[in-house]
Amino acid sequence: MGIGQSKELDTSQLKSFWDVIAINHEPINTFVEIWYHVFLWSLFSSVIVHIIPSMVAFNSLRRHKIARYGPIIILLSSIITPLLSYSITSAVIACVYRTASFVMFPIYAMFWGCGLTLITTIFSFSRVLATL
Protein backbone atom coordinates (compact mmCIF):
# COMPACT_ATOMS: atom_id res chain seq x y z
CA MET A 1 0.00 0.00 0.00
CA GLY A 2 1.09 3.52 -0.70
CA ILE A 3 1.58 6.35 1.72
CA GLY A 4 -1.69 7.70 3.04
CA GLN A 5 -3.77 4.64 2.18
CA SER A 6 -5.77 3.12 4.95
CA LYS A 7 -5.69 -0.59 5.60
CA GLU A 8 -9.44 -0.28 6.23
CA LEU A 9 -10.10 0.70 2.59
CA ASP A 10 -7.87 -1.87 0.90
CA THR A 11 -9.87 -3.55 -1.85
CA SER A 12 -7.18 -5.96 -3.01
CA GLN A 13 -8.29 -8.67 -0.57
CA LEU A 14 -11.98 -8.77 -1.58
CA LYS A 15 -13.39 -12.17 -2.40
CA SER A 16 -15.10 -13.16 -5.63
CA PHE A 17 -18.87 -13.23 -6.02
CA TRP A 18 -19.00 -17.01 -5.61
CA ASP A 19 -16.89 -16.89 -2.44
CA VAL A 20 -19.36 -14.41 -0.93
CA ILE A 21 -22.40 -16.51 -1.90
CA ALA A 22 -20.77 -19.66 -0.50
CA ILE A 23 -21.06 -18.66 3.14
CA ASN A 24 -18.07 -19.46 5.35
CA HIS A 25 -17.55 -18.93 9.07
CA GLU A 26 -14.72 -16.39 8.96
CA PRO A 27 -15.65 -13.03 10.50
CA ILE A 28 -15.64 -9.96 8.27
CA ASN A 29 -13.53 -7.21 9.79
CA THR A 30 -13.05 -4.20 7.53
CA PHE A 31 -15.54 -1.61 6.33
CA VAL A 32 -15.03 -2.49 2.66
CA GLU A 33 -15.52 -6.21 3.27
CA ILE A 34 -18.73 -5.65 5.24
CA TRP A 35 -20.05 -3.27 2.58
CA TYR A 36 -19.07 -5.67 -0.20
CA HIS A 37 -20.76 -8.71 1.38
CA VAL A 38 -24.02 -6.90 2.21
CA PHE A 39 -24.10 -5.22 -1.21
CA LEU A 40 -23.50 -8.46 -3.15
CA TRP A 41 -26.20 -10.26 -1.18
CA SER A 42 -28.69 -7.47 -1.83
CA LEU A 43 -27.78 -7.43 -5.52
CA PHE A 44 -28.06 -11.22 -5.79
CA SER A 45 -31.41 -11.41 -3.98
CA SER A 46 -32.78 -8.48 -5.98
CA VAL A 47 -31.90 -10.17 -9.27
CA ILE A 48 -33.50 -13.44 -8.10
CA VAL A 49 -36.67 -11.62 -6.99
CA HIS A 50 -36.92 -9.78 -10.32
CA ILE A 51 -36.21 -12.78 -12.54
CA ILE A 52 -39.48 -14.47 -11.52
CA PRO A 53 -41.85 -11.61 -12.52
CA SER A 54 -39.79 -10.97 -15.63
CA MET A 55 -40.27 -14.59 -16.75
CA VAL A 56 -44.00 -14.34 -16.03
CA ALA A 57 -44.22 -11.05 -17.95
CA PHE A 58 -42.25 -12.45 -20.86
CA ASN A 59 -44.52 -15.49 -21.03
CA SER A 60 -47.68 -13.36 -20.85
CA LEU A 61 -46.60 -10.61 -23.24
CA ARG A 62 -44.57 -12.48 -25.83
CA ARG A 63 -47.14 -11.89 -28.60
CA HIS A 64 -47.74 -8.23 -27.83
CA LYS A 65 -46.25 -5.80 -30.32
CA ILE A 66 -44.73 -3.28 -27.89
CA ALA A 67 -45.11 -4.71 -24.38
CA ARG A 68 -42.94 -7.74 -25.11
CA TYR A 69 -39.96 -5.59 -24.10
CA GLY A 70 -41.38 -4.95 -20.61
CA PRO A 71 -39.44 -7.79 -18.98
CA ILE A 72 -36.20 -6.12 -20.02
CA ILE A 73 -37.20 -3.06 -17.99
CA ILE A 74 -37.98 -5.31 -15.03
CA LEU A 75 -34.54 -6.92 -15.25
CA LEU A 76 -32.83 -3.53 -15.57
CA SER A 77 -34.59 -2.35 -12.42
CA SER A 78 -33.19 -5.38 -10.60
CA ILE A 79 -29.69 -4.06 -11.27
CA ILE A 80 -30.18 -0.28 -11.18
CA THR A 81 -31.95 -0.24 -7.78
CA PRO A 82 -29.13 -2.05 -5.93
CA LEU A 83 -26.47 0.06 -7.61
CA LEU A 84 -28.07 3.26 -6.41
CA SER A 85 -29.87 2.63 -3.15
CA TYR A 86 -28.47 -0.62 -1.78
CA SER A 87 -24.88 0.60 -2.11
CA ILE A 88 -25.64 3.55 0.17
CA THR A 89 -27.60 1.44 2.64
CA SER A 90 -24.86 -1.19 2.72
CA ALA A 91 -22.33 1.53 3.46
CA VAL A 92 -24.45 2.77 6.38
CA ILE A 93 -24.73 -0.77 7.78
CA ALA A 94 -20.97 -1.28 7.41
CA CYS A 95 -20.29 2.07 9.07
CA VAL A 96 -22.47 1.17 12.05
CA TYR A 97 -20.78 -2.21 12.44
CA ARG A 98 -17.28 -0.73 12.24
CA THR A 99 -18.03 2.23 14.51
CA ALA A 100 -19.58 0.00 17.17
CA SER A 101 -16.76 -2.57 16.75
CA PHE A 102 -19.26 -5.36 16.09
CA VAL A 103 -18.07 -8.49 14.36
CA MET A 104 -20.04 -9.40 11.27
CA PHE A 105 -20.21 -12.97 10.08
CA PRO A 106 -21.14 -13.75 6.46
CA ILE A 107 -24.53 -15.15 7.52
CA TYR A 108 -25.38 -11.72 9.01
CA ALA A 109 -24.42 -10.09 5.71
CA MET A 110 -26.79 -12.48 3.95
CA PHE A 111 -29.62 -11.53 6.33
CA TRP A 112 -28.93 -7.81 5.86
CA GLY A 113 -28.73 -8.09 2.05
CA CYS A 114 -31.84 -10.23 1.66
CA GLY A 115 -33.62 -8.06 4.23
CA LEU A 116 -32.91 -4.96 2.15
CA THR A 117 -34.50 -6.64 -0.85
CA LEU A 118 -37.46 -7.80 1.21
CA ILE A 119 -38.09 -4.32 2.62
CA THR A 120 -37.82 -2.77 -0.85
CA THR A 121 -40.28 -5.34 -2.21
CA ILE A 122 -42.76 -4.67 0.60
CA PHE A 123 -42.56 -0.90 0.05
CA SER A 124 -42.95 -1.36 -3.71
CA PHE A 125 -46.10 -3.42 -3.31
CA SER A 126 -47.58 -1.09 -0.70
CA ARG A 127 -47.08 2.00 -2.91
CA VAL A 128 -48.71 0.36 -5.94
CA LEU A 129 -51.75 -0.78 -3.96
CA ALA A 130 -52.19 2.68 -2.44
CA THR A 131 -52.52 4.23 -5.89
CA LEU A 132 -55.26 1.85 -7.07
C-alpha atoms as a PDB file:
ATOM      1  CA  MET A   1       0.000   0.000   0.000  1.00  0.00           C
ATOM      2  CA  GLY A   2       1.095   3.525  -0.703  1.00  0.00           C
ATOM      3  CA  ILE A   3       1.584   6.352   1.724  1.00  0.00           C
ATOM      4  CA  GLY A   4      -1.694   7.700   3.040  1.00  0.00           C
ATOM      5  CA  GLN A   5      -3.768   4.642   2.177  1.00  0.00           C
ATOM      6  CA  SER A   6      -5.774   3.118   4.954  1.00  0.00           C
ATOM      7  CA  LYS A   7      -5.694  -0.592   5.604  1.00  0.00           C
ATOM      8  CA  GLU A   8      -9.438  -0.281   6.230  1.00  0.00           C
ATOM      9  CA  LEU A   9     -10.103   0.704   2.590  1.00  0.00           C
ATOM     10  CA  ASP A  10      -7.865  -1.871   0.904  1.00  0.00           C
ATOM     11  CA  THR A  11      -9.875  -3.554  -1.853  1.00  0.00           C
ATOM     12  CA  SER A  12      -7.183  -5.959  -3.008  1.00  0.00           C
ATOM     13  CA  GLN A  13      -8.287  -8.665  -0.568  1.00  0.00           C
ATOM     14  CA  LEU A  14     -11.985  -8.774  -1.576  1.00  0.00           C
ATOM     15  CA  LYS A  15     -13.393 -12.170  -2.402  1.00  0.00           C
ATOM     16  CA  SER A  16     -15.104 -13.161  -5.631  1.00  0.00           C
ATOM     17  CA  PHE A  17     -18.871 -13.233  -6.018  1.00  0.00           C
ATOM     18  CA  TRP A  18     -19.000 -17.013  -5.612  1.00  0.00           C
ATOM     19  CA  ASP A  19     -16.888 -16.889  -2.440  1.00  0.00           C
ATOM     20  CA  VAL A  20     -19.356 -14.413  -0.928  1.00  0.00           C
ATOM     21  CA  ILE A  21     -22.401 -16.506  -1.897  1.00  0.00           C
ATOM     22  CA  ALA A  22     -20.770 -19.662  -0.503  1.00  0.00           C
ATOM     23  CA  ILE A  23     -21.056 -18.664   3.137  1.00  0.00           C
ATOM     24  CA  ASN A  24     -18.068 -19.455   5.350  1.00  0.00           C
ATOM     25  CA  HIS A  25     -17.547 -18.928   9.070  1.00  0.00           C
ATOM     26  CA  GLU A  26     -14.717 -16.391   8.964  1.00  0.00           C
ATOM     27  CA  PRO A  27     -15.652 -13.030  10.496  1.00  0.00           C
ATOM     28  CA  ILE A  28     -15.645  -9.963   8.267  1.00  0.00           C
ATOM     29  CA  ASN A  29     -13.530  -7.207   9.789  1.00  0.00           C
ATOM     30  CA  THR A  30     -13.048  -4.198   7.532  1.00  0.00           C
ATOM     31  CA  PHE A  31     -15.541  -1.608   6.327  1.00  0.00           C
ATOM     32  CA  VAL A  32     -15.028  -2.490   2.663  1.00  0.00           C
ATOM     33  CA  GLU A  33     -15.516  -6.212   3.274  1.00  0.00           C
ATOM     34  CA  ILE A  34     -18.733  -5.645   5.245  1.00  0.00           C
ATOM     35  CA  TRP A  35     -20.053  -3.273   2.582  1.00  0.00           C
ATOM     36  CA  TYR A  36     -19.068  -5.674  -0.196  1.00  0.00           C
ATOM     37  CA  HIS A  37     -20.760  -8.706   1.377  1.00  0.00           C
ATOM     38  CA  VAL A  38     -24.021  -6.901   2.211  1.00  0.00           C
ATOM     39  CA  PHE A  39     -24.101  -5.224  -1.210  1.00  0.00           C
ATOM     40  CA  LEU A  40     -23.502  -8.458  -3.146  1.00  0.00           C
ATOM     41  CA  TRP A  41     -26.195 -10.263  -1.176  1.00  0.00           C
ATOM     42  CA  SER A  42     -28.685  -7.470  -1.825  1.00  0.00           C
ATOM     43  CA  LEU A  43     -27.781  -7.433  -5.524  1.00  0.00           C
ATOM     44  CA  PHE A  44     -28.057 -11.216  -5.788  1.00  0.00           C
ATOM     45  CA  SER A  45     -31.409 -11.406  -3.981  1.00  0.00           C
ATOM     46  CA  SER A  46     -32.780  -8.480  -5.985  1.00  0.00           C
ATOM     47  CA  VAL A  47     -31.899 -10.165  -9.272  1.00  0.00           C
ATOM     48  CA  ILE A  48     -33.496 -13.436  -8.102  1.00  0.00           C
ATOM     49  CA  VAL A  49     -36.665 -11.624  -6.986  1.00  0.00           C
ATOM     50  CA  HIS A  50     -36.921  -9.775 -10.317  1.00  0.00           C
ATOM     51  CA  ILE A  51     -36.213 -12.785 -12.543  1.00  0.00           C
ATOM     52  CA  ILE A  52     -39.476 -14.474 -11.516  1.00  0.00           C
ATOM     53  CA  PRO A  53     -41.846 -11.614 -12.524  1.00  0.00           C
ATOM     54  CA  SER A  54     -39.793 -10.973 -15.630  1.00  0.00           C
ATOM     55  CA  MET A  55     -40.271 -14.591 -16.754  1.00  0.00           C
ATOM     56  CA  VAL A  56     -44.001 -14.343 -16.028  1.00  0.00           C
ATOM     57  CA  ALA A  57     -44.225 -11.050 -17.949  1.00  0.00           C
ATOM     58  CA  PHE A  58     -42.251 -12.451 -20.863  1.00  0.00           C
ATOM     59  CA  ASN A  59     -44.521 -15.486 -21.030  1.00  0.00           C
ATOM     60  CA  SER A  60     -47.679 -13.360 -20.852  1.00  0.00           C
ATOM     61  CA  LEU A  61     -46.599 -10.608 -23.240  1.00  0.00           C
ATOM     62  CA  ARG A  62     -44.566 -12.481 -25.835  1.00  0.00           C
ATOM     63  CA  ARG A  63     -47.135 -11.890 -28.602  1.00  0.00           C
ATOM     64  CA  HIS A  64     -47.743  -8.234 -27.835  1.00  0.00           C
ATOM     65  CA  LYS A  65     -46.248  -5.805 -30.319  1.00  0.00           C
ATOM     66  CA  ILE A  66     -44.733  -3.281 -27.894  1.00  0.00           C
ATOM     67  CA  ALA A  67     -45.106  -4.709 -24.381  1.00  0.00           C
ATOM     68  CA  ARG A  68     -42.942  -7.745 -25.113  1.00  0.00           C
ATOM     69  CA  TYR A  69     -39.958  -5.593 -24.096  1.00  0.00           C
ATOM     70  CA  GLY A  70     -41.376  -4.950 -20.610  1.00  0.00           C
ATOM     71  CA  PRO A  71     -39.439  -7.792 -18.979  1.00  0.00           C
ATOM     72  CA  ILE A  72     -36.196  -6.118 -20.023  1.00  0.00           C
ATOM     73  CA  ILE A  73     -37.198  -3.060 -17.990  1.00  0.00           C
ATOM     74  CA  ILE A  74     -37.985  -5.311 -15.027  1.00  0.00           C
ATOM     75  CA  LEU A  75     -34.538  -6.917 -15.247  1.00  0.00           C
ATOM     76  CA  LEU A  76     -32.835  -3.533 -15.573  1.00  0.00           C
ATOM     77  CA  SER A  77     -34.587  -2.354 -12.423  1.00  0.00           C
ATOM     78  CA  SER A  78     -33.192  -5.378 -10.603  1.00  0.00           C
ATOM     79  CA  ILE A  79     -29.691  -4.062 -11.270  1.00  0.00           C
ATOM     80  CA  ILE A  80     -30.182  -0.283 -11.175  1.00  0.00           C
ATOM     81  CA  THR A  81     -31.950  -0.240  -7.779  1.00  0.00           C
ATOM     82  CA  PRO A  82     -29.128  -2.048  -5.932  1.00  0.00           C
ATOM     83  CA  LEU A  83     -26.465   0.058  -7.606  1.00  0.00           C
ATOM     84  CA  LEU A  84     -28.071   3.265  -6.410  1.00  0.00           C
ATOM     85  CA  SER A  85     -29.871   2.635  -3.149  1.00  0.00           C
ATOM     86  CA  TYR A  86     -28.467  -0.617  -1.778  1.00  0.00           C
ATOM     87  CA  SER A  87     -24.882   0.596  -2.109  1.00  0.00           C
ATOM     88  CA  ILE A  88     -25.641   3.549   0.168  1.00  0.00           C
ATOM     89  CA  THR A  89     -27.600   1.436   2.639  1.00  0.00           C
ATOM     90  CA  SER A  90     -24.863  -1.194   2.721  1.00  0.00           C
ATOM     91  CA  ALA A  91     -22.331   1.530   3.461  1.00  0.00           C
ATOM     92  CA  VAL A  92     -24.446   2.769   6.380  1.00  0.00           C
ATOM     93  CA  ILE A  93     -24.732  -0.771   7.779  1.00  0.00           C
ATOM     94  CA  ALA A  94     -20.968  -1.284   7.409  1.00  0.00           C
ATOM     95  CA  CYS A  95     -20.289   2.071   9.071  1.00  0.00           C
ATOM     96  CA  VAL A  96     -22.470   1.174  12.055  1.00  0.00           C
ATOM     97  CA  TYR A  97     -20.781  -2.210  12.443  1.00  0.00           C
ATOM     98  CA  ARG A  98     -17.277  -0.732  12.243  1.00  0.00           C
ATOM     99  CA  THR A  99     -18.026   2.227  14.510  1.00  0.00           C
ATOM    100  CA  ALA A 100     -19.580   0.001  17.167  1.00  0.00           C
ATOM    101  CA  SER A 101     -16.760  -2.571  16.746  1.00  0.00           C
ATOM    102  CA  PHE A 102     -19.258  -5.356  16.092  1.00  0.00           C
ATOM    103  CA  VAL A 103     -18.067  -8.494  14.358  1.00  0.00           C
ATOM    104  CA  MET A 104     -20.040  -9.398  11.266  1.00  0.00           C
ATOM    105  CA  PHE A 105     -20.208 -12.966  10.077  1.00  0.00           C
ATOM    106  CA  PRO A 106     -21.137 -13.750   6.457  1.00  0.00           C
ATOM    107  CA  ILE A 107     -24.528 -15.147   7.521  1.00  0.00           C
ATOM    108  CA  TYR A 108     -25.379 -11.724   9.005  1.00  0.00           C
ATOM    109  CA  ALA A 109     -24.419 -10.092   5.710  1.00  0.00           C
ATOM    110  CA  MET A 110     -26.792 -12.480   3.946  1.00  0.00           C
ATOM    111  CA  PHE A 111     -29.622 -11.533   6.326  1.00  0.00           C
ATOM    112  CA  TRP A 112     -28.928  -7.810   5.857  1.00  0.00           C
ATOM    113  CA  GLY A 113     -28.727  -8.088   2.053  1.00  0.00           C
ATOM    114  CA  CYS A 114     -31.839 -10.225   1.658  1.00  0.00           C
ATOM    115  CA  GLY A 115     -33.617  -8.055   4.230  1.00  0.00           C
ATOM    116  CA  LEU A 116     -32.914  -4.955   2.154  1.00  0.00           C
ATOM    117  CA  THR A 117     -34.498  -6.639  -0.852  1.00  0.00           C
ATOM    118  CA  LEU A 118     -37.460  -7.802   1.208  1.00  0.00           C
ATOM    119  CA  ILE A 119     -38.093  -4.319   2.618  1.00  0.00           C
ATOM    120  CA  THR A 120     -37.823  -2.774  -0.852  1.00  0.00           C
ATOM    121  CA  THR A 121     -40.276  -5.343  -2.211  1.00  0.00           C
ATOM    122  CA  ILE A 122     -42.758  -4.672   0.596  1.00  0.00           C
ATOM    123  CA  PHE A 123     -42.563  -0.903   0.046  1.00  0.00           C
ATOM    124  CA  SER A 124     -42.948  -1.359  -3.714  1.00  0.00           C
ATOM    125  CA  PHE A 125     -46.104  -3.419  -3.313  1.00  0.00           C
ATOM    126  CA  SER A 126     -47.583  -1.088  -0.695  1.00  0.00           C
ATOM    127  CA  ARG A 127     -47.083   1.997  -2.914  1.00  0.00           C
ATOM    128  CA  VAL A 128     -48.710   0.356  -5.939  1.00  0.00           C
ATOM    129  CA  LEU A 129     -51.754  -0.777  -3.964  1.00  0.00           C
ATOM    130  CA  ALA A 130     -52.187   2.676  -2.442  1.00  0.00           C
ATOM    131  CA  THR A 131     -52.517   4.229  -5.893  1.00  0.00           C
ATOM    132  CA  LEU A 132     -55.260   1.850  -7.071  1.00  0.00           C
END
